[in-house]
Amino acid sequence: MRAHELREKSITELKARLKDEKKALQDMKFNRAIAGQLENPARVKMTRREIARLHTIITEKEQEESAG
C-alpha cells in the first residue's frame, strides 16, 4: 500500500496493520530459519519497508493530534 493511501487511515487501523506486518515478518524469519529458504525472499525486504513506513505515518499522525 502506498504512503498516501496509508495516511487516509486512522491510527487504530494503522496500528492493527503494523501488528499484522510484524507477525508476517516473524513468520518469514522463522520459516527461513527452519526450512532454509523462502518462497519469495524479496518479500522480507518489502515487509521491513512497510513496517518502517507504518511507523513513520503513525508518528506523524500522533504528532498532529498532540499539536492540534
Protein backbone atom coordinates (compact mmCIF):
# COMPACT_ATOMS: atom_id res chain seq x y z
CA MET A 1 0.00 0.00 0.00
CA ARG A 2 1.31 3.44 -0.86
CA ALA A 3 2.04 6.09 1.77
CA HIS A 4 -0.74 8.45 0.66
CA GLU A 5 -3.24 5.60 0.98
CA LEU A 6 -1.99 4.82 4.48
CA ARG A 7 -2.28 8.46 5.57
CA GLU A 8 -6.03 8.28 4.94
CA LYS A 9 -6.46 5.56 7.58
CA SER A 10 -6.92 6.08 11.31
CA ILE A 11 -4.19 5.44 13.87
CA THR A 12 -6.07 2.38 15.13
CA GLU A 13 -6.18 0.86 11.64
CA LEU A 14 -2.50 1.64 11.11
CA LYS A 15 -1.51 0.01 14.39
CA ALA A 16 -3.51 -3.10 13.50
CA ARG A 17 -1.81 -3.25 10.11
CA LEU A 18 1.59 -2.78 11.79
CA LYS A 19 0.87 -5.70 14.11
CA ASP A 20 -0.06 -7.89 11.13
CA GLU A 21 3.08 -6.92 9.21
CA LYS A 22 5.32 -7.65 12.21
CA LYS A 23 3.68 -11.06 12.61
CA ALA A 24 4.22 -11.78 8.90
CA LEU A 25 7.88 -10.79 9.16
CA GLN A 26 8.35 -13.00 12.22
CA ASP A 27 6.76 -15.94 10.36
CA MET A 28 9.02 -15.39 7.35
CA LYS A 29 12.13 -15.30 9.53
CA PHE A 30 11.01 -18.46 11.32
CA ASN A 31 10.37 -20.28 8.05
CA ARG A 32 13.73 -19.19 6.70
CA ALA A 33 15.46 -20.49 9.83
CA ILE A 34 13.65 -23.84 9.77
CA ALA A 35 13.36 -24.59 6.06
CA GLY A 36 16.47 -22.71 4.98
CA GLN A 37 14.65 -20.96 2.17
CA LEU A 38 11.64 -18.81 1.43
CA GLU A 39 9.22 -18.88 -1.45
CA ASN A 40 9.89 -15.17 -2.12
CA PRO A 41 12.98 -13.86 -0.27
CA ALA A 42 12.42 -10.30 -1.57
CA ARG A 43 9.19 -10.18 0.43
CA VAL A 44 11.22 -9.88 3.66
CA LYS A 45 12.68 -6.61 2.44
CA MET A 46 9.29 -5.33 1.28
CA THR A 47 7.74 -6.19 4.65
CA ARG A 48 10.50 -4.42 6.57
CA ARG A 49 9.97 -1.31 4.46
CA GLU A 50 6.23 -1.46 5.03
CA ILE A 51 6.81 -1.66 8.79
CA ALA A 52 9.09 1.39 8.64
CA ARG A 53 6.53 3.27 6.53
CA LEU A 54 3.78 2.45 9.05
CA HIS A 55 5.95 3.60 11.99
CA THR A 56 6.62 6.89 10.22
CA ILE A 57 2.99 7.60 9.42
CA ILE A 58 1.81 6.64 12.92
CA THR A 59 4.36 9.03 14.42
CA GLU A 60 3.26 11.83 12.06
CA LYS A 61 -0.40 11.33 12.97
CA GLU A 62 0.33 11.23 16.72
CA GLN A 63 2.30 14.48 16.47
CA GLU A 64 -0.55 16.12 14.54
CA GLU A 65 -3.02 15.10 17.26
CA SER A 66 -0.85 16.44 20.08
CA ALA A 67 -0.14 19.72 18.23
CA GLY A 68 -3.64 20.38 17.01
